[in-house]
Amino acid sequence: MTDKPMRPDPQWYADFCGVHEYLCGHLGNVDFCERIVISDVGELVGLSFIEGVLFQVASLEFLSAMTNDITRYLMLGKVSCASGLELDDYATLWQSGLIRLRGGPSSYCWRCDNCQQVIYNPMGNRYVLRSELTSSPIQLTEGGLVVHQEVRDRLVKRKWPRVKITKLPVLDHPRDGFPIRLEQISPGKSRRWK
């Protein structure tokens, strides 16, 4: 995942948040975004995200480097500029059942009193829980993609500007002190930013 997000078009973002945002400011569970409008093309990279909404955006070249049939694993949407120009070489990504990258004991997790969503921010070294993985070789997270070794091997054959490919540990038990299923978080076990 790149460390430099794409900026959404302000009008698109306002319209999107007007439909999906709770009073607390958290975005509701959005199943899929068919079209995202960005403010400018800027530096397009293999894999990025849209600032403020964390939708993943990828180049079709990057996606085809992973597999010949990406739509078997991910739903793809469209990306366009505020000028109306559609970026045919890029797509938004979605998958039901996003997995969460987990962190260490300083991670934050709580259930929002307003919208009831579980908010989780992994801190420290990231890992994935074995119970989150499926047989799919490509899984979407809130911060990128988790892929099987054979997909990683195809991706590293080429340099992808501003895309970081890292091997993640797969653990059976969380190191953050929270339940395996974060939806089971109880108020007494939550940690929030101060």
N, C-alpha and C. Protein backbone atom coordinates (compact mmCIF):
# COMPACT_ATOMS: atom_id res chain seq x y z
N MET A 1 0.86 -1.18 0.00
CA MET A 1 0.00 0.00 0.00
C MET A 1 0.89 1.23 0.00
N THR A 2 0.48 2.23 -0.69
CA THR A 2 1.23 3.47 -0.74
C THR A 2 1.00 4.28 0.53
N ASP A 3 1.94 5.16 0.84
CA ASP A 3 1.78 6.03 2.01
C ASP A 3 1.18 7.38 1.62
N LYS A 4 0.86 7.54 0.35
CA LYS A 4 0.33 8.81 -0.13
C LYS A 4 -1.06 8.58 -0.74
N PRO A 5 -2.11 8.97 -0.03
CA PRO A 5 -3.46 8.71 -0.54
C PRO A 5 -3.84 9.64 -1.68
N MET A 6 -4.85 9.23 -2.44
CA MET A 6 -5.45 10.09 -3.45
C MET A 6 -6.50 10.95 -2.75
N ARG A 7 -6.66 12.18 -3.19
CA ARG A 7 -7.65 13.07 -2.58
C ARG A 7 -8.97 12.99 -3.34
N PRO A 8 -10.07 12.81 -2.59
CA PRO A 8 -11.37 12.78 -3.27
C PRO A 8 -11.76 14.18 -3.72
N ASP A 9 -12.56 14.25 -4.76
CA ASP A 9 -13.14 15.51 -5.20
C ASP A 9 -14.03 16.03 -4.07
N PRO A 10 -13.89 17.29 -3.66
CA PRO A 10 -14.67 17.81 -2.53
C PRO A 10 -16.19 17.66 -2.69
N GLN A 11 -16.71 17.88 -3.89
CA GLN A 11 -18.16 17.74 -4.09
C GLN A 11 -18.60 16.28 -3.97
N TRP A 12 -17.82 15.37 -4.59
CA TRP A 12 -18.14 13.95 -4.48
C TRP A 12 -18.10 13.51 -3.02
N TYR A 13 -17.05 13.95 -2.31
CA TYR A 13 -16.88 13.57 -0.91
C TYR A 13 -18.05 14.08 -0.06
N ALA A 14 -18.46 15.32 -0.27
CA ALA A 14 -19.59 15.89 0.49
C ALA A 14 -20.87 15.11 0.19
N ASP A 15 -21.10 14.80 -1.07
CA ASP A 15 -22.29 14.03 -1.44
C ASP A 15 -22.25 12.63 -0.84
N PHE A 16 -21.09 11.98 -0.91
CA PHE A 16 -20.93 10.63 -0.38
C PHE A 16 -21.17 10.62 1.13
N CYS A 17 -20.52 11.55 1.84
CA CYS A 17 -20.67 11.61 3.30
C CYS A 17 -22.09 12.00 3.69
N GLY A 18 -22.75 12.80 2.88
CA GLY A 18 -24.13 13.18 3.17
C GLY A 18 -25.06 11.98 3.20
N VAL A 19 -24.73 10.95 2.45
CA VAL A 19 -25.54 9.75 2.40
C VAL A 19 -25.08 8.71 3.42
N HIS A 20 -23.76 8.58 3.63
CA HIS A 20 -23.21 7.47 4.41
C HIS A 20 -22.66 7.84 5.78
N GLU A 21 -22.60 9.13 6.12
CA GLU A 21 -21.95 9.52 7.37
C GLU A 21 -22.96 9.60 8.51
N TYR A 22 -22.55 9.06 9.66
CA TYR A 22 -23.34 9.18 10.88
C TYR A 22 -23.04 10.53 11.54
N LEU A 23 -23.86 10.92 12.50
CA LEU A 23 -23.64 12.18 13.21
C LEU A 23 -22.29 12.21 13.91
N CYS A 24 -21.78 11.05 14.29
CA CYS A 24 -20.49 10.97 14.97
C CYS A 24 -19.32 11.20 14.02
N GLY A 25 -19.58 11.19 12.72
CA GLY A 25 -18.51 11.39 11.74
C GLY A 25 -18.00 10.10 11.13
N HIS A 26 -18.36 8.94 11.69
CA HIS A 26 -17.93 7.67 11.10
C HIS A 26 -18.79 7.38 9.88
N LEU A 27 -18.18 6.76 8.91
CA LEU A 27 -18.92 6.37 7.72
C LEU A 27 -19.64 5.05 7.99
N GLY A 28 -20.85 4.93 7.49
CA GLY A 28 -21.61 3.70 7.66
C GLY A 28 -21.00 2.57 6.87
N ASN A 29 -21.47 1.39 7.13
CA ASN A 29 -20.98 0.23 6.40
C ASN A 29 -21.42 0.34 4.95
N VAL A 30 -20.49 0.66 4.10
CA VAL A 30 -20.76 0.82 2.68
C VAL A 30 -20.40 -0.50 2.01
N ASP A 31 -21.37 -1.11 1.36
CA ASP A 31 -21.10 -2.39 0.72
C ASP A 31 -20.13 -2.26 -0.44
N PHE A 32 -20.35 -1.26 -1.29
CA PHE A 32 -19.52 -1.14 -2.48
C PHE A 32 -19.70 0.24 -3.06
N CYS A 33 -18.63 0.82 -3.53
CA CYS A 33 -18.70 2.14 -4.15
C CYS A 33 -18.39 1.96 -5.64
N GLU A 34 -19.42 2.11 -6.46
CA GLU A 34 -19.26 1.87 -7.89
C GLU A 34 -18.41 2.91 -8.59
N ARG A 35 -18.38 4.14 -8.05
CA ARG A 35 -17.63 5.21 -8.72
C ARG A 35 -17.10 6.18 -7.68
N ILE A 36 -15.82 6.47 -7.78
CA ILE A 36 -15.17 7.45 -6.92
C ILE A 36 -14.63 8.55 -7.81
N VAL A 37 -14.78 9.78 -7.37
CA VAL A 37 -14.26 10.92 -8.12
C VAL A 37 -13.10 11.52 -7.32
N ILE A 38 -11.94 11.63 -7.96
CA ILE A 38 -10.78 12.20 -7.29
C ILE A 38 -10.57 13.63 -7.76
N SER A 39 -9.91 14.43 -6.92
CA SER A 39 -9.76 15.85 -7.25
C SER A 39 -8.79 16.08 -8.40
N ASP A 40 -7.73 15.30 -8.48
CA ASP A 40 -6.82 15.39 -9.61
C ASP A 40 -6.09 14.07 -9.77
N VAL A 41 -5.54 13.88 -10.92
CA VAL A 41 -4.87 12.61 -11.20
C VAL A 41 -3.61 12.48 -10.36
N GLY A 42 -2.79 13.52 -10.29
CA GLY A 42 -1.58 13.47 -9.47
C GLY A 42 -0.71 12.27 -9.82
N GLU A 43 -0.09 11.71 -8.80
CA GLU A 43 0.79 10.56 -9.01
C GLU A 43 -0.03 9.28 -8.84
N LEU A 44 -0.27 8.62 -9.95
CA LEU A 44 -1.00 7.35 -9.89
C LEU A 44 -0.01 6.22 -9.64
N VAL A 45 -0.38 5.34 -8.74
CA VAL A 45 0.50 4.24 -8.36
C VAL A 45 -0.26 2.92 -8.50
N GLY A 46 0.41 1.82 -8.25
CA GLY A 46 -0.20 0.51 -8.39
C GLY A 46 -1.35 0.28 -7.44
N LEU A 47 -1.19 0.70 -6.17
CA LEU A 47 -2.21 0.48 -5.15
C LEU A 47 -2.22 1.69 -4.23
N SER A 48 -3.38 2.27 -4.00
CA SER A 48 -3.50 3.44 -3.15
C SER A 48 -4.85 3.40 -2.44
N PHE A 49 -5.18 4.48 -1.75
CA PHE A 49 -6.48 4.58 -1.11
C PHE A 49 -6.96 6.01 -1.21
N ILE A 50 -8.27 6.20 -1.02
CA ILE A 50 -8.87 7.51 -1.10
C ILE A 50 -8.93 8.10 0.30
N GLU A 51 -8.28 9.24 0.46
CA GLU A 51 -8.22 9.91 1.76
C GLU A 51 -9.62 10.18 2.30
N GLY A 52 -9.82 9.90 3.58
CA GLY A 52 -11.09 10.20 4.24
C GLY A 52 -12.08 9.06 4.21
N VAL A 53 -12.03 8.21 3.20
CA VAL A 53 -12.98 7.10 3.13
C VAL A 53 -12.28 5.74 3.08
N LEU A 54 -10.99 5.74 2.87
CA LEU A 54 -10.15 4.54 2.85
C LEU A 54 -10.57 3.49 1.84
N PHE A 55 -11.25 3.88 0.76
CA PHE A 55 -11.49 2.94 -0.32
C PHE A 55 -10.17 2.68 -1.02
N GLN A 56 -9.94 1.44 -1.39
CA GLN A 56 -8.73 1.07 -2.11
C GLN A 56 -8.92 1.37 -3.60
N VAL A 57 -7.85 1.81 -4.23
CA VAL A 57 -7.83 2.05 -5.67
C VAL A 57 -6.57 1.38 -6.20
N ALA A 58 -6.69 0.68 -7.33
CA ALA A 58 -5.53 0.00 -7.89
C ALA A 58 -5.52 0.15 -9.40
N SER A 59 -4.31 0.08 -9.95
CA SER A 59 -4.20 0.09 -11.41
C SER A 59 -4.56 -1.31 -11.91
N LEU A 60 -5.16 -1.36 -13.08
CA LEU A 60 -5.52 -2.65 -13.66
C LEU A 60 -4.26 -3.47 -13.96
N GLU A 61 -3.16 -2.77 -14.23
CA GLU A 61 -1.88 -3.45 -14.45
C GLU A 61 -1.43 -4.18 -13.18
N PHE A 62 -1.56 -3.51 -12.04
CA PHE A 62 -1.22 -4.11 -10.76
C PHE A 62 -2.12 -5.31 -10.48
N LEU A 63 -3.42 -5.14 -10.71
CA LEU A 63 -4.37 -6.22 -10.46
C LEU A 63 -4.12 -7.42 -11.36
N SER A 64 -3.81 -7.17 -12.63
CA SER A 64 -3.56 -8.29 -13.55
C SER A 64 -2.24 -8.99 -13.24
N ALA A 65 -1.32 -8.30 -12.56
CA ALA A 65 -0.08 -8.95 -12.15
C ALA A 65 -0.34 -9.99 -11.06
N MET A 66 -1.45 -9.80 -10.32
CA MET A 66 -1.79 -10.76 -9.26
C MET A 66 -2.47 -12.00 -9.82
N THR A 67 -3.39 -11.80 -10.77
CA THR A 67 -4.18 -12.91 -11.31
C THR A 67 -4.81 -12.47 -12.62
N ASN A 68 -5.13 -13.44 -13.45
CA ASN A 68 -5.81 -13.15 -14.72
C ASN A 68 -7.30 -12.92 -14.52
N ASP A 69 -7.83 -13.28 -13.36
CA ASP A 69 -9.27 -13.18 -13.11
C ASP A 69 -9.53 -12.48 -11.77
N ILE A 70 -9.18 -11.21 -11.68
CA ILE A 70 -9.29 -10.48 -10.41
C ILE A 70 -10.73 -10.40 -9.93
N THR A 71 -11.69 -10.36 -10.84
CA THR A 71 -13.09 -10.23 -10.43
C THR A 71 -13.61 -11.50 -9.75
N ARG A 72 -12.84 -12.54 -9.78
CA ARG A 72 -13.19 -13.75 -9.02
C ARG A 72 -13.02 -13.49 -7.52
N TYR A 73 -12.15 -12.53 -7.17
CA TYR A 73 -11.82 -12.27 -5.76
C TYR A 73 -12.27 -10.90 -5.27
N LEU A 74 -12.32 -9.91 -6.16
CA LEU A 74 -12.64 -8.54 -5.77
C LEU A 74 -13.70 -7.95 -6.69
N MET A 75 -14.55 -7.09 -6.14
CA MET A 75 -15.46 -6.31 -6.98
C MET A 75 -14.73 -5.04 -7.38
N LEU A 76 -14.91 -4.62 -8.62
CA LEU A 76 -14.22 -3.44 -9.14
C LEU A 76 -15.22 -2.35 -9.48
N GLY A 77 -14.85 -1.12 -9.11
CA GLY A 77 -15.65 0.04 -9.46
C GLY A 77 -14.84 0.98 -10.33
N LYS A 78 -15.39 2.13 -10.63
CA LYS A 78 -14.75 3.08 -11.54
C LYS A 78 -14.13 4.26 -10.77
N VAL A 79 -13.11 4.84 -11.38
CA VAL A 79 -12.44 6.02 -10.85
C VAL A 79 -12.47 7.09 -11.93
N SER A 80 -12.86 8.31 -11.56
CA SER A 80 -12.84 9.40 -12.53
C SER A 80 -12.33 10.66 -11.86
N CYS A 81 -11.98 11.64 -12.68
CA CYS A 81 -11.53 12.94 -12.20
C CYS A 81 -12.74 13.87 -12.12
N ALA A 82 -12.58 14.96 -11.40
CA ALA A 82 -13.66 15.94 -11.26
C ALA A 82 -14.06 16.51 -12.62
N SER A 83 -13.14 16.49 -13.57
CA SER A 83 -13.44 16.99 -14.92
C SER A 83 -14.37 16.05 -15.68
N GLY A 84 -14.59 14.86 -15.15
CA GLY A 84 -15.43 13.87 -15.81
C GLY A 84 -14.65 12.80 -16.54
N LEU A 85 -13.34 13.01 -16.69
CA LEU A 85 -12.49 12.03 -17.36
C LEU A 85 -12.45 10.74 -16.54
N GLU A 86 -12.84 9.65 -17.16
CA GLU A 86 -12.79 8.36 -16.48
C GLU A 86 -11.39 7.77 -16.62
N LEU A 87 -10.84 7.29 -15.52
CA LEU A 87 -9.51 6.68 -15.53
C LEU A 87 -9.68 5.19 -15.78
N ASP A 88 -9.67 4.81 -17.05
CA ASP A 88 -9.94 3.44 -17.45
C ASP A 88 -8.91 2.44 -16.94
N ASP A 89 -7.73 2.92 -16.58
CA ASP A 89 -6.67 2.02 -16.11
C ASP A 89 -6.70 1.80 -14.61
N TYR A 90 -7.70 2.37 -13.91
CA TYR A 90 -7.79 2.26 -12.46
C TYR A 90 -9.17 1.79 -12.04
N ALA A 91 -9.24 1.15 -10.88
CA ALA A 91 -10.51 0.66 -10.37
C ALA A 91 -10.53 0.76 -8.85
N THR A 92 -11.73 0.96 -8.30
CA THR A 92 -11.90 0.84 -6.86
C THR A 92 -12.02 -0.64 -6.55
N LEU A 93 -11.68 -1.02 -5.33
CA LEU A 93 -11.70 -2.43 -4.94
C LEU A 93 -12.67 -2.62 -3.79
N TRP A 94 -13.36 -3.74 -3.80
CA TRP A 94 -14.22 -4.10 -2.68
C TRP A 94 -14.33 -5.60 -2.60
N GLN A 95 -14.56 -6.05 -1.37
CA GLN A 95 -14.73 -7.47 -1.10
C GLN A 95 -15.57 -7.58 0.17
N SER A 96 -16.55 -8.43 0.17
CA SER A 96 -17.31 -8.59 1.41
C SER A 96 -16.41 -9.31 2.42
N GLY A 97 -16.55 -8.95 3.66
CA GLY A 97 -15.74 -9.59 4.70
C GLY A 97 -14.31 -9.11 4.74
N LEU A 98 -14.11 -7.79 4.83
CA LEU A 98 -12.75 -7.27 4.97
C LEU A 98 -12.08 -7.87 6.19
N ILE A 99 -10.78 -8.14 6.07
CA ILE A 99 -10.05 -8.61 7.24
C ILE A 99 -9.32 -7.43 7.88
N ARG A 100 -9.05 -7.54 9.15
CA ARG A 100 -8.36 -6.47 9.86
C ARG A 100 -6.91 -6.87 10.13
N LEU A 101 -6.02 -5.94 9.85
CA LEU A 101 -4.66 -6.11 10.32
C LEU A 101 -4.68 -5.78 11.80
N ARG A 102 -4.02 -6.57 12.61
CA ARG A 102 -4.01 -6.35 14.05
C ARG A 102 -2.65 -5.81 14.47
N GLY A 103 -2.61 -5.26 15.68
CA GLY A 103 -1.39 -4.67 16.21
C GLY A 103 -1.09 -5.16 17.61
N GLY A 104 -0.22 -4.43 18.30
CA GLY A 104 0.23 -4.81 19.63
C GLY A 104 -0.61 -4.21 20.75
N PRO A 105 -0.08 -4.27 21.99
CA PRO A 105 -0.83 -3.83 23.17
C PRO A 105 -1.19 -2.35 23.19
N SER A 106 -0.56 -1.53 22.38
CA SER A 106 -0.91 -0.11 22.36
C SER A 106 -1.97 0.22 21.31
N SER A 107 -2.55 -0.80 20.68
CA SER A 107 -3.62 -0.59 19.70
C SER A 107 -4.86 -0.04 20.38
N TYR A 108 -5.67 0.67 19.62
CA TYR A 108 -6.92 1.24 20.12
C TYR A 108 -8.10 0.48 19.54
N CYS A 109 -9.12 0.28 20.38
CA CYS A 109 -10.33 -0.37 19.91
C CYS A 109 -11.49 0.05 20.81
N TRP A 110 -12.58 0.45 20.19
CA TRP A 110 -13.79 0.79 20.95
C TRP A 110 -14.99 0.70 20.05
N ARG A 111 -16.15 0.65 20.67
CA ARG A 111 -17.41 0.67 19.93
C ARG A 111 -17.98 2.07 20.07
N CYS A 112 -18.26 2.71 18.93
CA CYS A 112 -18.81 4.06 18.94
C CYS A 112 -20.20 4.05 19.58
N ASP A 113 -20.42 4.96 20.53
CA ASP A 113 -21.72 5.04 21.21
C ASP A 113 -22.85 5.43 20.26
N ASN A 114 -22.52 6.18 19.21
CA ASN A 114 -23.54 6.67 18.29
C ASN A 114 -23.90 5.63 17.23
N CYS A 115 -22.91 5.18 16.44
CA CYS A 115 -23.20 4.31 15.30
C CYS A 115 -22.99 2.83 15.59
N GLN A 116 -22.41 2.51 16.75
CA GLN A 116 -22.16 1.13 17.18
C GLN A 116 -21.07 0.41 16.37
N GLN A 117 -20.36 1.12 15.50
CA GLN A 117 -19.27 0.48 14.77
C GLN A 117 -18.09 0.24 15.69
N VAL A 118 -17.37 -0.85 15.43
CA VAL A 118 -16.12 -1.11 16.14
C VAL A 118 -15.02 -0.35 15.40
N ILE A 119 -14.34 0.52 16.12
CA ILE A 119 -13.25 1.32 15.56
C ILE A 119 -11.95 0.72 16.09
N TYR A 120 -11.07 0.33 15.17
CA TYR A 120 -9.82 -0.32 15.56
C TYR A 120 -8.66 0.34 14.84
N ASN A 121 -7.62 0.68 15.59
CA ASN A 121 -6.40 1.24 15.03
C ASN A 121 -5.23 0.40 15.50
N PRO A 122 -4.66 -0.41 14.61
CA PRO A 122 -3.51 -1.23 15.02
C PRO A 122 -2.28 -0.37 15.23
N MET A 123 -1.59 -0.60 16.32
CA MET A 123 -0.35 0.12 16.62
C MET A 123 0.76 -0.92 16.77
N GLY A 124 1.96 -0.53 16.40
CA GLY A 124 3.09 -1.45 16.50
C GLY A 124 3.14 -2.38 15.30
N ASN A 125 3.80 -3.51 15.48
CA ASN A 125 3.96 -4.47 14.39
C ASN A 125 2.62 -5.08 14.00
N ARG A 126 2.34 -5.08 12.70
CA ARG A 126 1.07 -5.60 12.19
C ARG A 126 1.17 -7.11 11.94
N TYR A 127 0.03 -7.77 12.02
CA TYR A 127 -0.08 -9.19 11.74
C TYR A 127 -1.53 -9.46 11.38
N VAL A 128 -1.80 -10.67 10.94
CA VAL A 128 -3.17 -11.07 10.64
C VAL A 128 -3.47 -12.33 11.44
N LEU A 129 -4.71 -12.46 11.88
CA LEU A 129 -5.11 -13.66 12.62
C LEU A 129 -5.52 -14.75 11.65
N ARG A 130 -5.07 -15.95 11.94
CA ARG A 130 -5.37 -17.10 11.09
C ARG A 130 -6.87 -17.27 10.88
N SER A 131 -7.65 -16.98 11.92
CA SER A 131 -9.11 -17.13 11.83
C SER A 131 -9.74 -16.16 10.84
N GLU A 132 -9.04 -15.09 10.46
CA GLU A 132 -9.54 -14.11 9.49
C GLU A 132 -9.30 -14.53 8.04
N LEU A 133 -8.33 -15.41 7.85
CA LEU A 133 -7.95 -15.79 6.49
C LEU A 133 -8.94 -16.78 5.90
N THR A 134 -9.16 -16.65 4.61
CA THR A 134 -10.02 -17.58 3.88
C THR A 134 -9.14 -18.30 2.86
N SER A 135 -9.76 -19.11 2.04
CA SER A 135 -9.00 -19.79 0.99
C SER A 135 -8.67 -18.87 -0.19
N SER A 136 -9.27 -17.68 -0.20
CA SER A 136 -9.01 -16.73 -1.28
C SER A 136 -7.55 -16.27 -1.23
N PRO A 137 -6.85 -16.30 -2.37
CA PRO A 137 -5.46 -15.85 -2.38
C PRO A 137 -5.30 -14.34 -2.29
N ILE A 138 -6.41 -13.60 -2.38
CA ILE A 138 -6.38 -12.13 -2.32
C ILE A 138 -7.49 -11.68 -1.39
N GLN A 139 -7.12 -11.02 -0.29
CA GLN A 139 -8.11 -10.50 0.64
C GLN A 139 -7.86 -9.02 0.90
N LEU A 140 -8.93 -8.27 0.97
CA LEU A 140 -8.87 -6.83 1.17
C LEU A 140 -8.90 -6.52 2.66
N THR A 141 -8.08 -5.54 3.06
CA THR A 141 -8.09 -5.04 4.43
C THR A 141 -8.44 -3.56 4.37
N GLU A 142 -8.57 -2.95 5.54
CA GLU A 142 -8.79 -1.50 5.56
C GLU A 142 -7.53 -0.75 5.18
N GLY A 143 -6.42 -1.43 5.08
CA GLY A 143 -5.17 -0.75 4.77
C GLY A 143 -4.40 -1.33 3.61
N GLY A 144 -5.04 -2.13 2.77
CA GLY A 144 -4.33 -2.70 1.64
C GLY A 144 -4.86 -4.07 1.29
N LEU A 145 -3.96 -4.95 0.91
CA LEU A 145 -4.31 -6.31 0.52
C LEU A 145 -3.46 -7.30 1.30
N VAL A 146 -4.03 -8.44 1.60
CA VAL A 146 -3.28 -9.57 2.13
C VAL A 146 -3.37 -10.65 1.05
N VAL A 147 -2.22 -11.11 0.60
CA VAL A 147 -2.19 -12.07 -0.51
C VAL A 147 -1.38 -13.30 -0.11
N HIS A 148 -1.70 -14.42 -0.75
CA HIS A 148 -0.94 -15.65 -0.54
C HIS A 148 0.44 -15.50 -1.15
N GLN A 149 1.35 -16.38 -0.76
CA GLN A 149 2.74 -16.33 -1.19
C GLN A 149 2.89 -16.35 -2.72
N GLU A 150 2.09 -17.16 -3.41
CA GLU A 150 2.24 -17.24 -4.87
C GLU A 150 1.85 -15.92 -5.55
N VAL A 151 0.89 -15.20 -4.98
CA VAL A 151 0.52 -13.89 -5.53
C VAL A 151 1.63 -12.89 -5.24
N ARG A 152 2.16 -12.92 -4.02
CA ARG A 152 3.28 -12.05 -3.66
C ARG A 152 4.46 -12.28 -4.61
N ASP A 153 4.76 -13.55 -4.89
CA ASP A 153 5.88 -13.88 -5.78
C ASP A 153 5.70 -13.28 -7.17
N ARG A 154 4.45 -13.21 -7.66
CA ARG A 154 4.20 -12.59 -8.96
C ARG A 154 4.38 -11.08 -8.87
N LEU A 155 3.95 -10.48 -7.76
CA LEU A 155 4.03 -9.02 -7.62
C LEU A 155 5.47 -8.52 -7.49
N VAL A 156 6.31 -9.25 -6.78
CA VAL A 156 7.67 -8.76 -6.55
C VAL A 156 8.59 -8.91 -7.76
N LYS A 157 8.10 -9.51 -8.81
CA LYS A 157 8.90 -9.61 -10.04
C LYS A 157 9.09 -8.24 -10.68
N ARG A 158 8.31 -7.27 -10.23
CA ARG A 158 8.36 -5.93 -10.80
C ARG A 158 8.37 -4.91 -9.68
N LYS A 159 8.98 -3.77 -9.91
CA LYS A 159 8.98 -2.68 -8.94
C LYS A 159 7.70 -1.87 -9.13
N TRP A 160 6.93 -1.69 -8.07
CA TRP A 160 5.70 -0.90 -8.09
C TRP A 160 5.98 0.38 -7.32
N PRO A 161 6.08 1.53 -7.98
CA PRO A 161 6.40 2.78 -7.29
C PRO A 161 5.44 3.04 -6.12
N ARG A 162 6.02 3.38 -4.98
CA ARG A 162 5.30 3.77 -3.76
C ARG A 162 4.40 2.68 -3.19
N VAL A 163 4.58 1.43 -3.61
CA VAL A 163 3.82 0.32 -3.05
C VAL A 163 4.78 -0.51 -2.20
N LYS A 164 4.39 -0.73 -0.97
CA LYS A 164 5.22 -1.50 -0.05
C LYS A 164 4.63 -2.90 0.08
N ILE A 165 5.46 -3.90 -0.20
CA ILE A 165 5.04 -5.29 -0.07
C ILE A 165 5.80 -5.88 1.10
N THR A 166 5.06 -6.31 2.12
CA THR A 166 5.64 -6.77 3.37
C THR A 166 5.08 -8.14 3.73
N LYS A 167 5.92 -8.99 4.25
CA LYS A 167 5.46 -10.29 4.73
C LYS A 167 4.85 -10.08 6.12
N LEU A 168 3.62 -10.55 6.29
CA LEU A 168 2.91 -10.41 7.56
C LEU A 168 2.93 -11.71 8.34
N PRO A 169 3.19 -11.65 9.64
CA PRO A 169 3.03 -12.86 10.45
C PRO A 169 1.55 -13.26 10.53
N VAL A 170 1.30 -14.55 10.58
CA VAL A 170 -0.05 -15.08 10.78
C VAL A 170 -0.05 -15.72 12.15
N LEU A 171 -0.90 -15.18 13.04
CA LEU A 171 -0.94 -15.65 14.42
C LEU A 171 -2.28 -16.29 14.76
N ASP A 172 -2.27 -17.14 15.76
CA ASP A 172 -3.51 -17.77 16.23
C ASP A 172 -4.23 -16.92 17.27
N HIS A 173 -3.47 -16.12 18.02
CA HIS A 173 -4.06 -15.32 19.10
C HIS A 173 -3.60 -13.87 18.99
N PRO A 174 -4.50 -12.93 19.27
CA PRO A 174 -4.13 -11.51 19.17
C PRO A 174 -3.14 -11.08 20.25
N ARG A 175 -2.27 -10.15 19.91
CA ARG A 175 -1.30 -9.58 20.84
C ARG A 175 -1.77 -8.25 21.42
N ASP A 176 -2.94 -7.78 20.98
CA ASP A 176 -3.41 -6.46 21.38
C ASP A 176 -4.27 -6.45 22.64
N GLY A 177 -4.57 -7.64 23.19
CA GLY A 177 -5.38 -7.72 24.40
C GLY A 177 -6.88 -7.69 24.13
N PHE A 178 -7.27 -7.69 22.88
CA PHE A 178 -8.68 -7.66 22.52
C PHE A 178 -9.13 -9.05 22.07
N PRO A 179 -10.45 -9.29 22.02
CA PRO A 179 -10.94 -10.60 21.57
C PRO A 179 -10.54 -10.87 20.11
N ILE A 180 -10.53 -12.14 19.75
CA ILE A 180 -10.24 -12.51 18.36
C ILE A 180 -11.24 -11.81 17.44
N ARG A 181 -12.50 -11.87 17.79
CA ARG A 181 -13.55 -11.17 17.02
C ARG A 181 -13.79 -9.82 17.69
N LEU A 182 -13.33 -8.76 17.08
CA LEU A 182 -13.42 -7.43 17.67
C LEU A 182 -14.86 -6.98 17.92
N GLU A 183 -15.81 -7.56 17.20
CA GLU A 183 -17.21 -7.22 17.40
C GLU A 183 -17.67 -7.60 18.80
N GLN A 184 -16.91 -8.45 19.48
CA GLN A 184 -17.26 -8.87 20.85
C GLN A 184 -16.66 -7.95 21.91
N ILE A 185 -16.10 -6.83 21.49
CA ILE A 185 -15.46 -5.91 22.45
C ILE A 185 -16.48 -5.41 23.47
N SER A 186 -16.11 -5.47 24.73
CA SER A 186 -16.99 -4.95 25.78
C SER A 186 -16.46 -3.59 26.22
N PRO A 187 -17.35 -2.74 26.75
CA PRO A 187 -16.91 -1.38 27.14
C PRO A 187 -15.71 -1.38 28.09
N GLY A 188 -15.63 -2.34 28.98
CA GLY A 188 -14.51 -2.40 29.93
C GLY A 188 -13.19 -2.78 29.30
N LYS A 189 -13.22 -3.38 28.13
CA LYS A 189 -12.00 -3.82 27.46
C LYS A 189 -11.52 -2.83 26.40
N SER A 190 -12.29 -1.77 26.16
CA SER A 190 -11.93 -0.85 25.07
C SER A 190 -10.81 0.10 25.50
N ARG A 191 -10.06 0.59 24.49
CA ARG A 191 -9.02 1.60 24.68
C ARG A 191 -9.23 2.64 23.59
N ARG A 192 -9.23 3.90 23.97
CA ARG A 192 -9.41 4.98 23.01
C ARG A 192 -8.27 5.97 23.12
N TRP A 193 -8.14 6.79 22.05
CA TRP A 193 -7.17 7.89 22.14
C TRP A 193 -7.64 8.84 23.24
N LYS A 194 -6.70 9.43 23.89
CA LYS A 194 -7.02 10.43 24.92
C LYS A 194 -7.06 11.80 24.32
